[in-house]
Amino acid sequence: MTIRTGEHERGIDPGILATLTEFTALRRDLHRHPELAFRETRTSGLVAERLTAWGYAVTTGLGGTGVVGVLGKGEGVRRLGLRADMDALPIHERTGLPYASATDGAMHACGHDGHTTILLAAARRLAEAEFSGTLTLIFQPAEEIGAGARTLLGEGLFERFPVDAVFGLHNWPGVPRGQFGFVAGPAMAAVDKATIRIVGRGGHGASPHETVDPVVAASSIVLALQSVVSRNVDPREAAVVSVGAIHGGEASNVIPDSVDLTLTIRSFEPSVRDRLEERVTAITRAQAESYGARAEIDYRRGLPPLRNHVAETAFARDVALATFGPERVVDEFRPRMASEDFAHLVAARPGSFLFVGNGDGPPLHSPDYDFDDALIAPAASYWVRLAETFLA
């Protein structure tokens, strides 16, 4: 699907269209200067400078590098929050683009440069628009390490800047470019991590009978863990148990003393999350012991599932339908097994997190990924329409 940015395309705000060249250049500037979690000083400075120039009351330093811009108009009492994330990833970019990262080992491989640009483009347009109420724009640091939203909340984000509802978005490769997706209820997964060390007794590879081989035990554990989802989780529920890394030994003729494994465990429902922890732990210990080895398990819970509120999701979807028509809204958009720390925000206040297709191309977190600038106009226009509707 090709997204046109001409004046006759349905749903594109003329004010957004008029500034599209400026904001495309801004997005590419942000891409060229990525900043990792809690180090987004240049980005936050740029955001604060522009919001101030457009008449927003700006607060900086929230969570270290977070920026909040507030704009009130009219006599309305409703309060709307819109959030964009700003941080990059510790990835070496290999796109070869003219605006590729100038920072070695850092890259906008998740499109946060695009998310920030979209909200800034909408902010400029909304500064000129008519609405009645309070608009709060949240530019959040450190989403990629799952700490930004929690840090802002810990510093009193919604006590200092009250909102009745909060919304966010994420681009999504593999979804047709410029199409919008909405999920009521669980939309993104909880993510947990298990670091496991299998401790045996090393020795000479020629005398395995004198050892307790942790390599064999670890191999058995990897296979046994494949039964957790297929045999311990209701087939109607979703879950993932993946062994992402396994390390042990240095030489072909030496059986090591230990082997290390690292797992990612993902789910949507609390009962499934509990069951996964129980079974991963039990299976790992039992398999290790069956080989005479010992399992040391560090099981840590990470982000909770992102649960969109039903009423706010229906509202957000209706805005997209009214703005762009049904041809730009994906029917029955499916939840994603990736995680997102916006989960903390919708746990604290009603809201919804939506998705915008980035078209065909490399996936998120790939060194070959790039945000599609053709999304700026429709996504920023969407934020404008949502704000004007909510604060009517």
Protein backbone atom coordinates (compact mmCIF):
# COMPACT_ATOMS: atom_id res chain seq x y z
CA MET A 1 0.00 0.00 0.00
CA THR A 2 1.36 3.42 -0.94
CA ILE A 3 0.64 6.36 1.35
CA ARG A 4 0.20 9.58 -0.55
CA THR A 5 0.81 12.88 1.15
CA GLY A 6 -1.08 15.00 -1.31
CA GLU A 7 -3.72 17.51 -0.33
CA HIS A 8 -6.60 15.23 -1.34
CA GLU A 9 -5.67 12.24 0.81
CA ARG A 10 -8.42 11.54 3.29
CA GLY A 11 -7.62 12.34 6.89
CA ILE A 12 -4.35 14.24 6.43
CA ASP A 13 -4.53 17.52 8.29
CA PRO A 14 -3.57 20.46 6.03
CA GLY A 15 -1.51 22.01 8.81
CA ILE A 16 0.47 18.79 9.19
CA LEU A 17 0.95 18.58 5.45
CA ALA A 18 2.29 22.14 5.35
CA THR A 19 5.09 21.28 7.80
CA LEU A 20 5.86 17.78 6.55
CA THR A 21 9.21 18.67 4.98
CA GLU A 22 10.37 20.29 8.21
CA PHE A 23 9.40 17.33 10.35
CA THR A 24 10.84 14.78 7.95
CA ALA A 25 14.17 16.59 8.27
CA LEU A 26 13.75 16.61 12.05
CA ARG A 27 13.11 12.87 12.14
CA ARG A 28 16.26 12.20 10.16
CA ASP A 29 18.25 14.49 12.42
CA LEU A 30 17.03 12.52 15.44
CA HIS A 31 17.91 9.30 13.66
CA ARG A 32 21.44 10.55 13.01
CA HIS A 33 21.90 11.46 16.68
CA PRO A 34 20.51 8.53 18.73
CA GLU A 35 20.77 8.57 22.50
CA LEU A 36 20.48 5.58 24.83
CA ALA A 37 18.18 5.24 27.85
CA PHE A 38 18.39 8.12 30.35
CA ARG A 39 20.98 9.86 28.13
CA GLU A 40 18.51 11.60 25.80
CA THR A 41 19.88 15.08 26.58
CA ARG A 42 20.10 16.40 23.03
CA THR A 43 16.71 14.96 22.12
CA SER A 44 14.96 16.28 25.23
CA GLY A 45 16.54 19.70 24.73
CA LEU A 46 15.28 19.81 21.18
CA VAL A 47 11.79 18.76 22.30
CA ALA A 48 11.67 21.32 25.12
CA GLU A 49 12.87 24.14 22.88
CA ARG A 50 10.16 23.53 20.31
CA LEU A 51 7.33 23.03 22.79
CA THR A 52 8.28 26.28 24.53
CA ALA A 53 8.31 28.16 21.22
CA TRP A 54 4.80 26.89 20.46
CA GLY A 55 3.38 28.11 23.77
CA TYR A 56 3.40 24.99 25.93
CA ALA A 57 4.24 25.12 29.62
CA VAL A 58 7.30 22.89 29.65
CA THR A 59 8.77 20.84 32.48
CA THR A 60 12.14 19.17 31.95
CA GLY A 61 14.21 16.76 33.98
CA LEU A 62 11.41 14.37 34.85
CA GLY A 63 13.12 11.02 35.16
CA GLY A 64 16.35 12.81 34.30
CA THR A 65 15.65 13.46 30.63
CA GLY A 66 11.87 13.36 30.32
CA VAL A 67 9.91 16.34 29.03
CA VAL A 68 6.27 17.21 29.66
CA GLY A 69 4.47 19.96 27.76
CA VAL A 70 1.06 21.22 28.90
CA LEU A 71 -1.33 23.39 26.90
CA GLY A 72 -4.73 24.47 28.20
CA LYS A 73 -7.44 26.13 26.15
CA GLY A 74 -11.04 27.14 26.72
CA GLU A 75 -13.05 26.24 29.80
CA GLY A 76 -13.18 22.48 29.34
CA VAL A 77 -12.29 20.27 32.27
CA ARG A 78 -11.19 17.14 30.37
CA ARG A 79 -7.49 16.29 30.41
CA LEU A 80 -5.73 14.25 27.74
CA GLY A 81 -2.26 12.70 27.78
CA LEU A 82 -0.28 11.67 24.69
CA ARG A 83 3.06 9.91 25.05
CA ALA A 84 6.09 9.35 22.81
CA ASP A 85 9.32 7.51 23.66
CA MET A 86 12.71 9.03 22.81
CA ASP A 87 15.51 6.53 23.47
CA ALA A 88 17.59 4.47 21.06
CA LEU A 89 19.13 0.99 21.22
CA PRO A 90 22.75 -0.20 21.65
CA ILE A 91 22.95 -1.52 18.07
CA HIS A 92 25.47 -0.85 15.32
CA GLU A 93 23.48 0.49 12.36
CA ARG A 94 24.14 -0.97 8.93
CA THR A 95 21.45 0.71 6.79
CA GLY A 96 23.96 2.82 4.88
CA LEU A 97 21.46 5.68 4.77
CA PRO A 98 22.70 9.27 4.35
CA TYR A 99 21.27 10.04 7.80
CA ALA A 100 22.48 6.83 9.47
CA SER A 101 23.60 7.00 13.08
CA ALA A 102 26.67 9.11 13.70
CA THR A 103 27.06 7.51 17.13
CA ASP A 104 28.98 4.25 17.14
CA GLY A 105 27.04 1.51 18.88
CA ALA A 106 23.73 3.38 19.12
CA MET A 107 20.83 3.35 16.70
CA HIS A 108 17.14 4.20 16.45
CA ALA A 109 16.21 0.63 15.57
CA CYS A 110 12.71 0.79 17.07
CA GLY A 111 11.39 4.00 15.53
CA HIS A 112 11.38 6.20 18.62
CA ASP A 113 12.81 8.96 16.43
CA GLY A 114 9.60 8.65 14.42
CA HIS A 115 7.35 8.54 17.49
CA THR A 116 8.94 11.71 18.87
CA THR A 117 8.62 13.47 15.52
CA ILE A 118 4.97 12.46 15.14
CA LEU A 119 4.04 13.90 18.52
CA LEU A 120 6.02 17.09 17.90
CA ALA A 121 4.29 17.59 14.53
CA ALA A 122 0.94 17.12 16.24
CA ALA A 123 1.99 19.46 19.07
CA ARG A 124 2.72 22.28 16.67
CA ARG A 125 -0.59 21.86 14.89
CA LEU A 126 -2.56 21.60 18.15
CA ALA A 127 -0.99 24.82 19.40
CA GLU A 128 -2.93 26.53 16.61
CA ALA A 129 -6.08 24.41 16.91
CA GLU A 130 -9.30 25.02 18.79
CA PHE A 131 -10.07 22.72 21.71
CA SER A 132 -11.36 23.04 25.24
CA GLY A 133 -9.46 21.35 28.04
CA THR A 134 -5.89 20.42 28.94
CA LEU A 135 -3.45 18.66 26.63
CA THR A 136 -0.43 16.99 28.24
CA LEU A 137 2.36 15.71 26.01
CA ILE A 138 4.75 13.22 27.60
CA PHE A 139 8.15 12.65 25.99
CA GLN A 140 9.48 9.65 27.86
CA PRO A 141 13.04 8.38 28.28
CA ALA A 142 14.28 4.82 28.69
CA GLU A 143 11.47 2.73 27.23
CA GLU A 144 13.93 0.24 25.79
CA ILE A 145 15.15 -0.84 29.23
CA GLY A 146 11.63 -0.88 30.69
CA ALA A 147 12.42 1.81 33.25
CA GLY A 148 11.22 5.13 31.83
CA ALA A 149 7.48 4.98 32.51
CA ARG A 150 7.96 3.53 35.98
CA THR A 151 10.47 6.27 36.82
CA LEU A 152 8.13 9.04 35.67
CA LEU A 153 5.27 7.58 37.69
CA GLY A 154 7.53 7.32 40.71
CA GLU A 155 8.25 11.04 40.39
CA GLY A 156 4.53 11.84 40.40
CA LEU A 157 3.81 12.14 36.69
CA PHE A 158 0.02 11.92 36.93
CA GLU A 159 -0.18 13.74 40.26
CA ARG A 160 1.73 16.69 38.82
CA PHE A 161 0.13 16.46 35.37
CA PRO A 162 -3.32 14.87 35.82
CA VAL A 163 -4.97 13.19 32.84
CA ASP A 164 -8.31 11.49 32.36
CA ALA A 165 -6.86 9.20 29.69
CA VAL A 166 -3.47 8.55 28.13
CA PHE A 167 -2.66 7.24 24.64
CA GLY A 168 0.50 6.10 22.87
CA LEU A 169 1.46 4.49 19.58
CA HIS A 170 4.14 2.32 18.01
CA ASN A 171 5.08 1.71 14.41
CA TRP A 172 4.97 -1.95 13.41
CA PRO A 173 6.88 -3.52 10.49
CA GLY A 174 4.97 -6.20 8.62
CA VAL A 175 1.69 -4.31 8.90
CA PRO A 176 0.69 -2.41 5.73
CA ARG A 177 2.15 1.07 5.76
CA GLY A 178 -0.06 3.66 7.39
CA GLN A 179 -2.74 1.24 8.58
CA PHE A 180 -3.88 1.49 12.20
CA GLY A 181 -4.32 -1.43 14.59
CA PHE A 182 -6.22 -1.52 17.88
CA VAL A 183 -6.42 -4.20 20.58
CA ALA A 184 -8.81 -4.04 23.53
CA GLY A 185 -7.52 -5.83 26.60
CA PRO A 186 -4.07 -7.50 26.60
CA ALA A 187 -2.16 -5.97 23.68
CA MET A 188 1.49 -6.66 24.50
CA ALA A 189 3.03 -9.36 26.64
CA ALA A 190 4.55 -9.52 30.08
CA VAL A 191 8.24 -10.35 29.79
CA ASP A 192 10.29 -12.28 32.34
CA LYS A 193 13.89 -13.47 32.24
CA ALA A 194 15.56 -16.55 33.67
CA THR A 195 19.32 -16.88 33.98
CA ILE A 196 20.30 -20.47 34.71
CA ARG A 197 23.63 -22.03 35.59
CA ILE A 198 23.93 -25.82 35.39
CA VAL A 199 26.72 -26.86 37.75
CA GLY A 200 28.37 -30.21 37.18
CA ARG A 201 31.91 -31.53 37.58
CA GLY A 202 34.31 -30.96 34.74
CA GLY A 203 37.11 -33.14 33.49
CA HIS A 204 38.86 -34.62 30.48
CA GLY A 205 36.71 -35.20 27.43
CA ALA A 206 38.26 -38.67 27.12
CA SER A 207 36.92 -39.66 30.54
CA PRO A 208 33.29 -38.51 30.65
CA HIS A 209 32.45 -41.23 33.20
CA GLU A 210 34.53 -39.33 35.76
CA THR A 211 32.55 -36.11 35.27
CA VAL A 212 29.07 -34.75 35.74
CA ASP A 213 28.61 -33.27 32.30
CA PRO A 214 26.65 -29.98 32.43
CA VAL A 215 26.57 -29.77 28.62
CA VAL A 216 24.45 -32.90 28.36
CA ALA A 217 22.26 -31.76 31.25
CA ALA A 218 21.77 -28.31 29.69
CA SER A 219 20.90 -29.86 26.34
CA SER A 220 18.25 -31.99 28.00
CA ILE A 221 16.85 -28.94 29.77
CA VAL A 222 16.55 -27.00 26.52
CA LEU A 223 14.51 -29.82 24.99
CA ALA A 224 12.40 -30.37 28.11
CA LEU A 225 11.47 -26.70 28.31
CA GLN A 226 9.78 -27.01 24.92
CA SER A 227 7.01 -28.93 26.66
CA VAL A 228 6.06 -26.07 29.00
CA VAL A 229 3.86 -24.18 26.52
CA SER A 230 2.59 -27.26 24.68
CA ARG A 231 1.73 -29.33 27.76
CA ASN A 232 1.35 -26.96 30.72
CA VAL A 233 -0.49 -23.98 29.21
CA ASP A 234 -4.11 -24.01 28.05
CA PRO A 235 -4.04 -24.10 24.23
CA ARG A 236 -6.42 -21.13 24.20
CA GLU A 237 -3.82 -18.98 25.96
CA ALA A 238 -0.63 -17.50 24.50
CA ALA A 239 2.83 -18.03 25.95
CA VAL A 240 6.48 -18.16 24.86
CA VAL A 241 9.47 -19.85 26.45
CA SER A 242 12.64 -19.29 24.42
CA VAL A 243 16.23 -20.19 25.25
CA GLY A 244 18.11 -17.30 23.69
CA ALA A 245 21.64 -18.11 24.80
CA ILE A 246 23.65 -21.13 25.95
CA HIS A 247 27.34 -20.95 26.82
CA GLY A 248 29.72 -23.53 28.22
CA GLY A 249 33.22 -24.80 27.70
CA GLU A 250 36.24 -23.61 25.77
CA ALA A 251 37.85 -26.68 24.21
CA SER A 252 36.68 -29.82 22.46
CA ASN A 253 38.49 -32.13 24.85
CA VAL A 254 37.44 -30.48 28.12
CA ILE A 255 34.10 -31.05 29.83
CA PRO A 256 33.34 -27.77 31.65
CA ASP A 257 32.26 -27.36 35.24
CA SER A 258 29.16 -25.35 34.29
CA VAL A 259 26.90 -24.18 31.46
CA ASP A 260 24.87 -20.95 31.42
CA LEU A 261 21.47 -20.49 29.76
CA THR A 262 19.36 -17.37 29.36
CA LEU A 263 15.60 -17.52 28.72
CA THR A 264 12.88 -15.07 27.81
CA ILE A 265 9.41 -15.99 29.08
CA ARG A 266 6.32 -14.14 27.82
CA SER A 267 2.61 -14.25 28.58
CA PHE A 268 -0.54 -12.17 28.86
CA GLU A 269 -2.51 -13.59 31.78
CA PRO A 270 -1.34 -13.58 35.43
CA SER A 271 -2.27 -17.23 35.94
CA VAL A 272 -0.25 -18.25 32.88
CA ARG A 273 2.66 -16.14 34.05
CA ASP A 274 2.65 -17.92 37.42
CA ARG A 275 2.39 -21.32 35.75
CA LEU A 276 5.33 -20.61 33.46
CA GLU A 277 7.57 -19.66 36.36
CA GLU A 278 6.54 -22.76 38.29
CA ARG A 279 7.14 -25.16 35.42
CA VAL A 280 10.36 -23.61 34.08
CA THR A 281 11.85 -23.77 37.57
CA ALA A 282 10.64 -27.31 38.32
CA ILE A 283 11.68 -28.79 34.97
CA THR A 284 15.11 -27.18 35.08
CA ARG A 285 15.86 -28.46 38.58
CA ALA A 286 14.54 -31.96 37.89
CA GLN A 287 16.42 -32.35 34.61
CA ALA A 288 19.66 -31.13 36.15
CA GLU A 289 19.31 -33.50 39.10
CA SER A 290 18.58 -36.44 36.83
CA TYR A 291 22.10 -36.01 35.43
CA GLY A 292 23.67 -35.51 38.84
CA ALA A 293 24.05 -31.77 38.26
CA ARG A 294 22.65 -28.78 40.11
CA ALA A 295 20.61 -25.87 38.72
CA GLU A 296 21.09 -22.32 39.99
CA ILE A 297 18.12 -20.25 38.76
CA ASP A 298 17.73 -16.48 38.82
CA TYR A 299 14.14 -15.90 37.69
CA ARG A 300 13.18 -12.24 37.41
CA ARG A 301 9.86 -10.73 36.45
CA GLY A 302 10.03 -7.81 34.09
CA LEU A 303 7.37 -5.65 32.48
CA PRO A 304 3.72 -6.50 33.10
CA PRO A 305 1.36 -7.12 30.19
CA LEU A 306 0.06 -4.00 28.48
CA ARG A 307 -3.73 -4.04 28.98
CA ASN A 308 -5.63 -1.52 26.92
CA HIS A 309 -8.85 -0.22 28.43
CA VAL A 310 -11.92 -1.22 26.44
CA ALA A 311 -13.70 2.15 26.33
CA GLU A 312 -10.56 4.14 25.45
CA THR A 313 -9.60 1.62 22.76
CA ALA A 314 -13.06 1.82 21.21
CA PHE A 315 -12.77 5.61 21.24
CA ALA A 316 -9.33 5.53 19.62
CA ARG A 317 -10.53 3.14 16.94
CA ASP A 318 -13.60 5.27 16.22
CA VAL A 319 -11.34 8.29 15.73
CA ALA A 320 -9.29 6.39 13.15
CA LEU A 321 -12.40 5.20 11.33
CA ALA A 322 -13.85 8.70 11.23
CA THR A 323 -10.54 10.20 10.10
CA PHE A 324 -9.30 7.71 7.53
CA GLY A 325 -12.17 5.32 6.81
CA PRO A 326 -12.32 1.54 7.34
CA GLU A 327 -9.76 0.83 4.64
CA ARG A 328 -7.01 2.18 6.93
CA VAL A 329 -8.04 0.28 10.07
CA VAL A 330 -6.90 -3.34 10.41
CA ASP A 331 -9.71 -5.75 11.29
CA GLU A 332 -9.05 -7.90 14.37
CA PHE A 333 -5.51 -6.69 14.95
CA ARG A 334 -3.71 -9.33 17.02
CA PRO A 335 -1.84 -8.80 20.31
CA ARG A 336 1.94 -8.73 20.12
CA MET A 337 4.31 -10.90 22.16
CA ALA A 338 6.78 -8.00 22.43
CA SER A 339 6.67 -5.87 25.57
CA GLU A 340 6.24 -2.12 26.18
CA ASP A 341 6.58 -0.04 29.33
CA PHE A 342 3.50 1.98 28.40
CA ALA A 343 1.95 -0.92 30.34
CA HIS A 344 2.74 1.02 33.52
CA LEU A 345 0.90 4.11 32.26
CA VAL A 346 -2.32 2.30 31.38
CA ALA A 347 -2.13 0.48 34.70
CA ALA A 348 -2.16 3.89 36.38
CA ARG A 349 -4.74 5.65 34.21
CA PRO A 350 -7.32 4.65 31.55
CA GLY A 351 -5.89 4.60 28.08
CA SER A 352 -4.87 2.68 24.99
CA PHE A 353 -1.74 1.87 23.01
CA LEU A 354 -2.21 1.59 19.25
CA PHE A 355 -0.15 0.44 16.30
CA VAL A 356 0.67 2.01 12.93
CA GLY A 357 1.96 -0.15 10.09
CA ASN A 358 5.54 0.53 8.95
CA GLY A 359 5.12 -1.61 5.84
CA ASP A 360 7.39 -4.36 4.58
CA GLY A 361 10.99 -4.24 5.65
CA PRO A 362 13.36 -5.24 8.44
CA PRO A 363 11.83 -5.90 11.87
CA LEU A 364 12.16 -3.76 14.96
CA HIS A 365 15.56 -3.99 16.70
CA SER A 366 17.26 -4.93 13.44
CA PRO A 367 20.45 -3.08 12.41
CA ASP A 368 18.80 -2.72 8.98
CA TYR A 369 15.57 -1.12 10.27
CA ASP A 370 14.43 2.42 9.46
CA PHE A 371 11.25 4.26 10.38
CA ASP A 372 9.15 5.11 7.31
CA ASP A 373 8.77 8.89 7.03
CA ALA A 374 5.51 8.40 5.14
CA LEU A 375 3.92 7.65 8.53
CA ILE A 376 4.53 11.13 9.93
CA ALA A 377 1.59 12.82 8.20
CA PRO A 378 -1.14 10.24 8.93
CA ALA A 379 0.01 9.49 12.48
CA ALA A 380 0.40 13.16 13.44
CA SER A 381 -2.96 13.92 11.83
CA TYR A 382 -4.44 11.11 13.90
CA TRP A 383 -3.11 12.61 17.15
CA VAL A 384 -4.57 15.96 16.16
CA ARG A 385 -7.98 14.48 15.45
CA LEU A 386 -7.95 12.37 18.63
CA ALA A 387 -7.05 15.40 20.77
CA GLU A 388 -9.66 17.63 19.14
CA THR A 389 -12.31 14.95 19.62
CA PHE A 390 -11.41 14.15 23.22
CA LEU A 391 -11.17 17.82 24.16
CA ALA A 392 -14.17 19.02 22.17
